[in-house]
Every structure is written in structure tokens, then in C-alpha cells.
């Protein structure tokens, strides 16, 4: 038994065989719309048109969704104040545009022994950006770089 809906059809509950005969008489297809309902809901439609409209709806939803842009800023474990503030201004601009900012400290050669310095720089960076964005992931070491993500604050 299925509940049958569609254009030019008397809405009601039919046996599956009757529903298939009705759709065949009209030269259309029987499409299951809601399989979890009791009884399942089927619709008499042109299947190709149904697929076209489904794709069209998905395309609209995709177009409306916001694209997330990630901008990257790289620092060193011994970055001085001038460079730090220069990169900070860029990060403020990126967050103002609505982009996420990925800040990483890259350790070259033996500078990996300054892991604590790299973490201090990242936490200071996050503290300076507190009013523009929120920390999405705290500093974590991945290979030779320490990475932190900052997302813009929603308005």
C-alpha cells in the first residue's frame, strides 16, 4: 500500500500495483517521495523533470552557501616586533573581510628547540586579535611548524 499524490490524480491510498497502473496510463513515472512515512508516499511525475528540478534546487543551495577562505600568515620563532605588527595588520584586514586566518610559526633547521617561543608568539598573536576574531584551534605542533586557526567574529 502506498499513498499516491500528483497532478490529475485523486489523492489516496492505493496498492502498489494500482499505483503503477495509474502512472503507466498517464505515461509518467511513479517516484517514491517519502519512504519513511506510513504508508510510503509516491508521486506520479516525469522522472527526468523530477531529477532536473532536484539538481536545480541543489545548485541554488550551493550558490547561497558562504565560501570559507583561509588566509595564511607565517612567522618565525624569533620574529621581531616590527614584523609582528606588520603581519598583525594583515591578519586584521583578513578577518575584517570575513576570511579565516591560519597563523603558523615555521622552525628552520635547529630552531625547533625554541618550540616554547613559537607558542608564545602565537598566543600573543591571538591575544592581539581578540576583538577581531576568535581562536578556533590552539597552537599545535605539526612537523616543523606550529599552527593556530583564527575565525572572524560574527557581526
N, C-alpha and C. Protein backbone atom coordinates (compact mmCIF):
# COMPACT_ATOMS: atom_id res chain seq x y z
N UNK A 1 0.84 -1.19 0.00
CA UNK A 1 0.00 0.00 0.00
C UNK A 1 0.89 1.26 0.00
N UNK A 2 0.50 2.21 -0.83
CA UNK A 2 1.21 3.49 -0.90
C UNK A 2 0.20 4.63 -0.98
N UNK A 3 0.62 5.79 -0.46
CA UNK A 3 -0.19 6.99 -0.60
C UNK A 3 0.23 7.64 -1.90
N UNK A 4 -0.70 7.90 -2.78
CA UNK A 4 -0.40 8.41 -4.12
C UNK A 4 -0.78 9.88 -4.22
N UNK A 5 0.17 10.69 -4.70
CA UNK A 5 -0.07 12.13 -4.92
C UNK A 5 0.43 12.48 -6.31
N UNK A 6 0.02 13.63 -6.79
CA UNK A 6 0.46 14.09 -8.11
C UNK A 6 -0.63 14.89 -8.78
N UNK A 7 -0.33 15.43 -9.96
CA UNK A 7 -1.30 16.22 -10.71
C UNK A 7 -2.28 15.29 -11.42
N UNK A 8 -3.53 15.72 -11.53
CA UNK A 8 -4.61 14.96 -12.20
C UNK A 8 -4.83 13.58 -11.58
N UNK A 9 -4.62 13.46 -10.27
CA UNK A 9 -4.78 12.18 -9.59
C UNK A 9 -5.59 12.40 -8.32
N UNK A 10 -6.48 11.47 -8.05
CA UNK A 10 -7.23 11.53 -6.81
C UNK A 10 -6.31 11.03 -5.69
N UNK A 11 -5.99 11.93 -4.77
CA UNK A 11 -5.06 11.58 -3.69
C UNK A 11 -5.71 10.53 -2.79
N UNK A 12 -4.96 9.47 -2.52
CA UNK A 12 -5.49 8.42 -1.66
C UNK A 12 -4.49 7.30 -1.50
N UNK A 13 -4.93 6.24 -0.83
CA UNK A 13 -4.06 5.10 -0.59
C UNK A 13 -4.45 3.99 -1.57
N UNK A 14 -3.45 3.53 -2.34
CA UNK A 14 -3.65 2.52 -3.38
C UNK A 14 -2.68 1.38 -3.14
N UNK A 15 -2.96 0.25 -3.77
CA UNK A 15 -1.98 -0.84 -3.75
C UNK A 15 -0.87 -0.44 -4.73
N UNK A 16 0.30 -1.01 -4.55
CA UNK A 16 1.43 -0.66 -5.41
C UNK A 16 1.12 -0.96 -6.88
N UNK A 17 0.43 -2.06 -7.13
CA UNK A 17 0.08 -2.45 -8.50
C UNK A 17 -0.84 -1.41 -9.14
N UNK A 18 -1.87 -0.96 -8.39
CA UNK A 18 -2.79 0.07 -8.91
C UNK A 18 -2.05 1.38 -9.17
N UNK A 19 -1.14 1.75 -8.25
CA UNK A 19 -0.38 2.99 -8.41
C UNK A 19 0.48 2.93 -9.67
N UNK A 20 1.11 1.79 -9.91
CA UNK A 20 1.92 1.63 -11.12
C UNK A 20 1.06 1.71 -12.38
N UNK A 21 -0.14 1.11 -12.33
CA UNK A 21 -1.05 1.17 -13.48
C UNK A 21 -1.50 2.60 -13.76
N UNK A 22 -1.81 3.36 -12.72
CA UNK A 22 -2.24 4.77 -12.88
C UNK A 22 -1.12 5.58 -13.54
N UNK A 23 0.11 5.41 -13.06
CA UNK A 23 1.23 6.17 -13.62
C UNK A 23 1.49 5.75 -15.08
N UNK A 24 1.34 4.46 -15.35
CA UNK A 24 1.56 3.97 -16.71
C UNK A 24 0.51 4.50 -17.68
N UNK A 25 -0.75 4.58 -17.22
CA UNK A 25 -1.83 5.10 -18.05
C UNK A 25 -1.57 6.55 -18.47
N UNK A 26 -0.94 7.32 -17.58
CA UNK A 26 -0.66 8.73 -17.87
C UNK A 26 0.67 8.91 -18.61
N UNK A 27 1.43 7.84 -18.77
CA UNK A 27 2.71 7.93 -19.46
C UNK A 27 3.78 8.60 -18.61
N UNK A 28 3.61 8.51 -17.30
CA UNK A 28 4.57 9.12 -16.37
C UNK A 28 5.19 8.03 -15.49
N UNK A 29 6.07 8.46 -14.58
CA UNK A 29 6.77 7.53 -13.70
C UNK A 29 6.24 7.64 -12.27
N UNK A 30 6.37 6.55 -11.51
CA UNK A 30 5.99 6.53 -10.09
C UNK A 30 7.28 6.69 -9.29
N UNK A 31 7.38 7.81 -8.53
CA UNK A 31 8.58 8.12 -7.77
C UNK A 31 8.25 8.12 -6.29
N UNK A 32 9.06 7.41 -5.50
CA UNK A 32 8.87 7.36 -4.05
C UNK A 32 9.44 8.65 -3.45
N UNK A 33 8.58 9.43 -2.81
CA UNK A 33 8.99 10.72 -2.25
C UNK A 33 9.42 10.57 -0.79
N UNK A 34 8.59 9.88 0.00
CA UNK A 34 8.88 9.75 1.42
C UNK A 34 8.78 8.28 1.83
N UNK A 35 9.90 7.56 1.82
CA UNK A 35 9.87 6.13 2.12
C UNK A 35 9.62 5.82 3.60
N UNK A 36 9.90 6.77 4.50
CA UNK A 36 9.76 6.50 5.93
C UNK A 36 8.34 6.72 6.44
N UNK A 37 7.49 7.39 5.66
CA UNK A 37 6.11 7.64 6.09
C UNK A 37 5.32 6.33 6.07
N UNK A 38 4.22 6.32 6.83
CA UNK A 38 3.36 5.12 6.79
C UNK A 38 1.99 5.53 6.30
N UNK A 39 1.49 5.09 5.21
CA UNK A 39 2.21 4.31 4.20
C UNK A 39 3.16 5.21 3.41
N UNK A 40 4.16 4.63 2.70
CA UNK A 40 5.11 5.44 1.92
C UNK A 40 4.38 6.32 0.89
N UNK A 41 4.93 7.51 0.68
CA UNK A 41 4.31 8.46 -0.25
C UNK A 41 5.00 8.35 -1.61
N UNK A 42 4.19 8.17 -2.66
CA UNK A 42 4.69 8.11 -4.03
C UNK A 42 4.01 9.20 -4.85
N UNK A 43 4.74 9.71 -5.85
CA UNK A 43 4.21 10.78 -6.67
C UNK A 43 4.30 10.37 -8.14
N UNK A 44 3.27 10.71 -8.90
CA UNK A 44 3.27 10.42 -10.33
C UNK A 44 3.81 11.66 -11.04
N UNK A 45 5.05 11.53 -11.58
CA UNK A 45 5.70 12.66 -12.26
C UNK A 45 6.55 12.13 -13.41
N UNK A 46 7.01 13.07 -14.24
CA UNK A 46 8.00 12.74 -15.26
C UNK A 46 9.35 12.68 -14.54
N UNK A 47 9.99 11.53 -14.50
CA UNK A 47 11.19 11.32 -13.70
C UNK A 47 12.34 12.23 -14.12
N UNK A 48 12.52 12.45 -15.42
CA UNK A 48 13.60 13.33 -15.88
C UNK A 48 13.38 14.77 -15.41
N UNK A 49 12.14 15.22 -15.44
CA UNK A 49 11.81 16.56 -14.96
C UNK A 49 12.06 16.64 -13.45
N UNK A 50 11.70 15.57 -12.74
CA UNK A 50 11.91 15.49 -11.30
C UNK A 50 13.40 15.62 -10.97
N UNK A 51 14.25 14.89 -11.70
CA UNK A 51 15.70 14.96 -11.47
C UNK A 51 16.24 16.35 -11.79
N UNK A 52 15.73 16.95 -12.87
CA UNK A 52 16.17 18.29 -13.26
C UNK A 52 15.87 19.30 -12.15
N UNK A 53 14.65 19.26 -11.60
CA UNK A 53 14.27 20.19 -10.54
C UNK A 53 15.08 19.94 -9.27
N UNK A 54 15.38 18.68 -8.98
CA UNK A 54 16.19 18.34 -7.81
C UNK A 54 17.59 18.93 -7.94
N UNK A 55 18.21 18.79 -9.12
CA UNK A 55 19.54 19.36 -9.36
C UNK A 55 19.52 20.87 -9.27
N UNK A 56 18.44 21.46 -9.78
CA UNK A 56 18.30 22.92 -9.75
C UNK A 56 18.24 23.43 -8.31
N UNK A 57 17.48 22.73 -7.46
CA UNK A 57 17.39 23.12 -6.04
C UNK A 57 18.75 23.00 -5.35
N UNK A 58 19.47 21.89 -5.63
CA UNK A 58 20.78 21.70 -5.01
C UNK A 58 21.77 22.77 -5.46
N UNK A 59 21.67 23.19 -6.72
CA UNK A 59 22.55 24.23 -7.24
C UNK A 59 22.28 25.57 -6.55
N UNK A 60 21.00 25.87 -6.31
CA UNK A 60 20.63 27.10 -5.61
C UNK A 60 21.16 27.10 -4.18
N UNK A 61 21.03 25.97 -3.50
CA UNK A 61 21.52 25.86 -2.13
C UNK A 61 23.03 26.05 -2.09
N UNK A 62 23.73 25.46 -3.06
CA UNK A 62 25.19 25.58 -3.12
C UNK A 62 25.60 27.02 -3.38
N UNK A 63 24.86 27.72 -4.22
CA UNK A 63 25.19 29.11 -4.56
C UNK A 63 24.99 30.03 -3.36
N UNK A 64 24.00 29.71 -2.51
CA UNK A 64 23.71 30.55 -1.36
C UNK A 64 24.67 30.32 -0.20
N UNK A 65 25.32 29.14 -0.15
CA UNK A 65 26.22 28.85 0.96
C UNK A 65 27.49 29.70 0.84
N UNK A 66 27.99 30.13 1.99
CA UNK A 66 29.16 31.00 2.02
C UNK A 66 30.43 30.18 1.79
N UNK A 67 31.32 30.73 1.01
CA UNK A 67 32.60 30.09 0.75
C UNK A 67 33.59 30.54 1.84
N UNK A 68 34.26 29.58 2.45
CA UNK A 68 35.21 29.90 3.50
C UNK A 68 36.60 30.04 2.88
N UNK A 69 37.19 31.22 3.10
CA UNK A 69 38.52 31.50 2.57
C UNK A 69 39.51 31.47 3.74
N UNK A 70 40.61 30.76 3.57
CA UNK A 70 41.62 30.69 4.62
C UNK A 70 42.87 31.41 4.12
N UNK A 71 43.27 32.46 4.84
CA UNK A 71 44.49 33.20 4.53
C UNK A 71 45.57 32.71 5.48
N UNK A 72 46.79 32.66 5.00
CA UNK A 72 47.88 32.12 5.81
C UNK A 72 48.91 33.19 6.12
N UNK A 73 49.34 33.22 7.37
CA UNK A 73 50.39 34.14 7.81
C UNK A 73 51.48 33.31 8.47
N UNK A 74 52.71 33.51 8.04
CA UNK A 74 53.83 32.73 8.55
C UNK A 74 54.76 33.61 9.37
N UNK A 75 55.09 33.13 10.53
CA UNK A 75 56.03 33.82 11.42
C UNK A 75 57.20 32.88 11.71
N UNK A 76 58.27 33.45 12.27
CA UNK A 76 59.40 32.65 12.74
C UNK A 76 59.42 32.67 14.25
N UNK A 77 60.17 31.78 14.88
CA UNK A 77 60.21 31.76 16.34
C UNK A 77 60.88 33.01 16.93
N UNK A 78 61.67 33.71 16.13
CA UNK A 78 62.36 34.90 16.61
C UNK A 78 61.91 36.15 15.86
N UNK A 79 60.63 36.24 15.51
CA UNK A 79 60.10 37.39 14.79
C UNK A 79 60.15 38.62 15.68
N UNK A 80 60.72 39.73 15.15
CA UNK A 80 60.81 40.95 15.97
C UNK A 80 59.50 41.72 15.93
N UNK A 81 59.39 42.76 16.76
CA UNK A 81 58.13 43.50 16.97
C UNK A 81 57.59 44.14 15.69
N UNK A 82 58.48 44.77 14.89
CA UNK A 82 58.02 45.45 13.69
C UNK A 82 57.34 44.46 12.73
N UNK A 83 58.00 43.32 12.48
CA UNK A 83 57.43 42.31 11.59
C UNK A 83 56.14 41.74 12.18
N UNK A 84 56.15 41.56 13.48
CA UNK A 84 54.97 41.03 14.17
C UNK A 84 53.76 41.93 13.95
N UNK A 85 53.95 43.24 14.14
CA UNK A 85 52.84 44.20 13.98
C UNK A 85 52.43 44.33 12.51
N UNK A 86 53.39 44.21 11.60
CA UNK A 86 53.10 44.24 10.16
C UNK A 86 52.18 43.08 9.79
N UNK A 87 52.51 41.88 10.27
CA UNK A 87 51.69 40.69 9.99
C UNK A 87 50.34 40.79 10.71
N UNK A 88 50.35 41.40 11.87
CA UNK A 88 49.12 41.59 12.65
C UNK A 88 48.12 42.46 11.88
N UNK A 89 48.60 43.53 11.24
CA UNK A 89 47.72 44.39 10.44
C UNK A 89 47.09 43.62 9.29
N UNK A 90 47.90 42.77 8.65
CA UNK A 90 47.35 41.94 7.57
C UNK A 90 46.27 41.00 8.10
N UNK A 91 46.51 40.41 9.26
CA UNK A 91 45.54 39.49 9.85
C UNK A 91 44.25 40.22 10.18
N UNK A 92 44.35 41.44 10.67
CA UNK A 92 43.15 42.24 11.00
C UNK A 92 42.34 42.51 9.73
N UNK A 93 43.04 42.83 8.63
CA UNK A 93 42.36 43.05 7.34
C UNK A 93 41.66 41.79 6.86
N UNK A 94 42.36 40.65 6.95
CA UNK A 94 41.77 39.38 6.51
C UNK A 94 40.52 39.04 7.31
N UNK A 95 40.59 39.22 8.64
CA UNK A 95 39.44 38.92 9.49
C UNK A 95 38.29 39.89 9.20
N UNK A 96 38.64 41.15 8.88
CA UNK A 96 37.62 42.14 8.52
C UNK A 96 36.88 41.76 7.25
N UNK A 97 37.59 41.11 6.31
CA UNK A 97 36.97 40.65 5.06
C UNK A 97 36.10 39.42 5.27
N UNK A 98 36.25 38.78 6.43
CA UNK A 98 35.47 37.58 6.73
C UNK A 98 36.22 36.28 6.45
N UNK A 99 37.52 36.38 6.21
CA UNK A 99 38.33 35.19 5.97
C UNK A 99 38.86 34.63 7.28
N UNK A 100 39.11 33.32 7.29
CA UNK A 100 39.79 32.72 8.43
C UNK A 100 41.27 32.95 8.25
N UNK A 101 42.01 32.99 9.37
CA UNK A 101 43.44 33.21 9.31
C UNK A 101 44.15 32.01 9.94
N UNK A 102 45.08 31.44 9.17
CA UNK A 102 45.90 30.34 9.66
C UNK A 102 47.28 30.93 9.94
N UNK A 103 47.65 30.97 11.21
CA UNK A 103 48.94 31.53 11.60
C UNK A 103 49.86 30.37 11.92
N UNK A 104 51.05 30.37 11.30
CA UNK A 104 51.97 29.31 11.66
C UNK A 104 53.37 29.84 11.88
N UNK A 105 54.06 29.20 12.82
CA UNK A 105 55.45 29.51 13.10
C UNK A 105 56.26 28.37 12.49
N UNK A 106 57.15 28.72 11.57
CA UNK A 106 57.94 27.71 10.87
C UNK A 106 59.32 27.63 11.51
N UNK A 107 59.71 26.43 11.89
CA UNK A 107 61.00 26.23 12.52
C UNK A 107 61.98 25.69 11.48
N UNK A 108 63.04 26.48 11.18
CA UNK A 108 64.06 26.06 10.21
C UNK A 108 65.23 25.44 10.97
N UNK A 109 65.72 24.35 10.43
CA UNK A 109 66.92 23.72 11.00
C UNK A 109 66.80 23.41 12.48
N UNK A 110 67.73 23.95 13.25
CA UNK A 110 67.76 23.65 14.69
C UNK A 110 66.88 24.58 15.52
N UNK A 111 66.18 25.49 14.88
CA UNK A 111 65.32 26.42 15.64
C UNK A 111 64.15 25.70 16.29
N UNK A 112 63.99 24.39 16.03
CA UNK A 112 62.92 23.60 16.63
C UNK A 112 63.07 23.55 18.15
N UNK A 113 64.27 23.85 18.65
CA UNK A 113 64.47 23.85 20.11
C UNK A 113 63.74 25.02 20.77
N UNK A 114 63.27 25.99 19.97
CA UNK A 114 62.55 27.15 20.50
C UNK A 114 61.03 26.99 20.38
N UNK A 115 60.54 25.76 20.60
CA UNK A 115 59.10 25.49 20.48
C UNK A 115 58.29 26.39 21.40
N UNK A 116 58.78 26.58 22.63
CA UNK A 116 58.05 27.41 23.59
C UNK A 116 57.96 28.86 23.11
N UNK A 117 59.02 29.36 22.45
CA UNK A 117 59.00 30.72 21.91
C UNK A 117 57.95 30.84 20.80
N UNK A 118 57.85 29.82 19.97
CA UNK A 118 56.86 29.81 18.89
C UNK A 118 55.45 29.84 19.45
N UNK A 119 55.22 29.07 20.51
CA UNK A 119 53.90 29.05 21.13
C UNK A 119 53.57 30.40 21.76
N UNK A 120 54.57 31.03 22.38
CA UNK A 120 54.36 32.34 22.99
C UNK A 120 53.97 33.36 21.93
N UNK A 121 54.66 33.33 20.77
CA UNK A 121 54.35 34.28 19.68
C UNK A 121 52.92 34.06 19.19
N UNK A 122 52.50 32.80 19.02
CA UNK A 122 51.14 32.52 18.53
C UNK A 122 50.10 32.97 19.54
N UNK A 123 50.33 32.72 20.81
CA UNK A 123 49.36 33.14 21.83
C UNK A 123 49.29 34.66 21.92
N UNK A 124 50.43 35.33 21.75
CA UNK A 124 50.44 36.80 21.74
C UNK A 124 49.65 37.32 20.53
N UNK A 125 49.83 36.65 19.38
CA UNK A 125 49.11 37.00 18.15
C UNK A 125 47.60 36.87 18.39
N UNK A 126 47.19 35.77 19.03
CA UNK A 126 45.77 35.55 19.31
C UNK A 126 45.23 36.60 20.27
N UNK A 127 46.04 36.98 21.24
CA UNK A 127 45.62 37.99 22.22
C UNK A 127 45.43 39.35 21.55
N UNK A 128 46.32 39.69 20.62
CA UNK A 128 46.22 40.97 19.91
C UNK A 128 44.97 41.00 19.00
N UNK A 129 44.57 39.83 18.48
CA UNK A 129 43.42 39.74 17.57
C UNK A 129 42.11 39.44 18.29
N UNK A 130 42.11 39.51 19.60
CA UNK A 130 40.95 39.11 20.40
C UNK A 130 39.65 39.81 20.00
N UNK A 131 39.73 41.10 19.68
CA UNK A 131 38.49 41.83 19.34
C UNK A 131 38.06 41.64 17.89
N UNK A 132 38.92 41.07 17.05
CA UNK A 132 38.60 40.87 15.63
C UNK A 132 38.19 39.45 15.29
N UNK A 133 38.72 38.48 16.05
CA UNK A 133 38.42 37.09 15.77
C UNK A 133 38.56 36.22 16.99
N UNK A 134 38.09 34.99 16.86
CA UNK A 134 38.21 34.06 17.99
C UNK A 134 39.07 32.87 17.57
N UNK A 135 39.82 32.35 18.52
CA UNK A 135 40.72 31.24 18.24
C UNK A 135 39.89 29.98 18.02
N UNK A 136 40.08 29.37 16.86
CA UNK A 136 39.34 28.16 16.50
C UNK A 136 40.10 26.91 16.96
N UNK A 137 41.42 26.94 16.82
CA UNK A 137 42.24 25.84 17.33
C UNK A 137 43.51 26.42 17.94
N UNK A 138 43.83 25.95 19.12
CA UNK A 138 45.02 26.42 19.83
C UNK A 138 46.28 25.93 19.12
N UNK A 139 47.43 26.57 19.42
CA UNK A 139 48.67 26.17 18.74
C UNK A 139 48.99 24.70 18.94
N UNK A 140 49.27 24.02 17.82
CA UNK A 140 49.71 22.63 17.91
C UNK A 140 50.85 22.41 16.92
N UNK A 141 51.78 21.56 17.32
CA UNK A 141 52.97 21.31 16.53
C UNK A 141 52.69 20.21 15.51
N UNK A 142 52.95 20.50 14.24
CA UNK A 142 52.81 19.51 13.17
C UNK A 142 54.10 19.52 12.37
N UNK A 143 54.95 18.56 12.64
CA UNK A 143 56.23 18.51 11.94
C UNK A 143 57.11 19.66 12.37
N UNK A 144 57.49 20.51 11.40
CA UNK A 144 58.36 21.65 11.71
C UNK A 144 57.60 22.96 11.81
N UNK A 145 56.28 22.89 11.93
CA UNK A 145 55.52 24.12 12.09
C UNK A 145 54.50 24.00 13.21
N UNK A 146 54.24 25.12 13.83
CA UNK A 146 53.23 25.19 14.88
C UNK A 146 52.09 26.03 14.30
N UNK A 147 50.87 25.46 14.31
CA UNK A 147 49.74 26.07 13.59
C UNK A 147 48.62 26.45 14.55
N UNK A 148 47.97 27.59 14.25
CA UNK A 148 46.81 28.06 15.01
C UNK A 148 45.82 28.67 14.02
N UNK A 149 44.52 28.37 14.20
CA UNK A 149 43.48 28.92 13.33
C UNK A 149 42.67 29.98 14.08
N UNK A 150 42.38 31.08 13.40
CA UNK A 150 41.56 32.15 13.97
C UNK A 150 40.42 32.44 12.99
N UNK A 151 39.19 32.41 13.52
CA UNK A 151 38.00 32.68 12.70
C UNK A 151 37.49 34.08 13.01
N UNK A 152 36.92 34.77 12.02
CA UNK A 152 36.40 36.12 12.27
C UNK A 152 35.20 36.07 13.21
N UNK A 153 35.04 37.13 14.00
CA UNK A 153 33.87 37.22 14.88
C UNK A 153 32.67 37.57 14.04
N UNK A 154 31.55 36.89 14.28
CA UNK A 154 30.33 37.19 13.52
C UNK A 154 29.74 38.49 14.04
N UNK A 155 29.17 39.25 13.10
CA UNK A 155 28.64 40.58 13.47
C UNK A 155 27.20 40.50 13.81
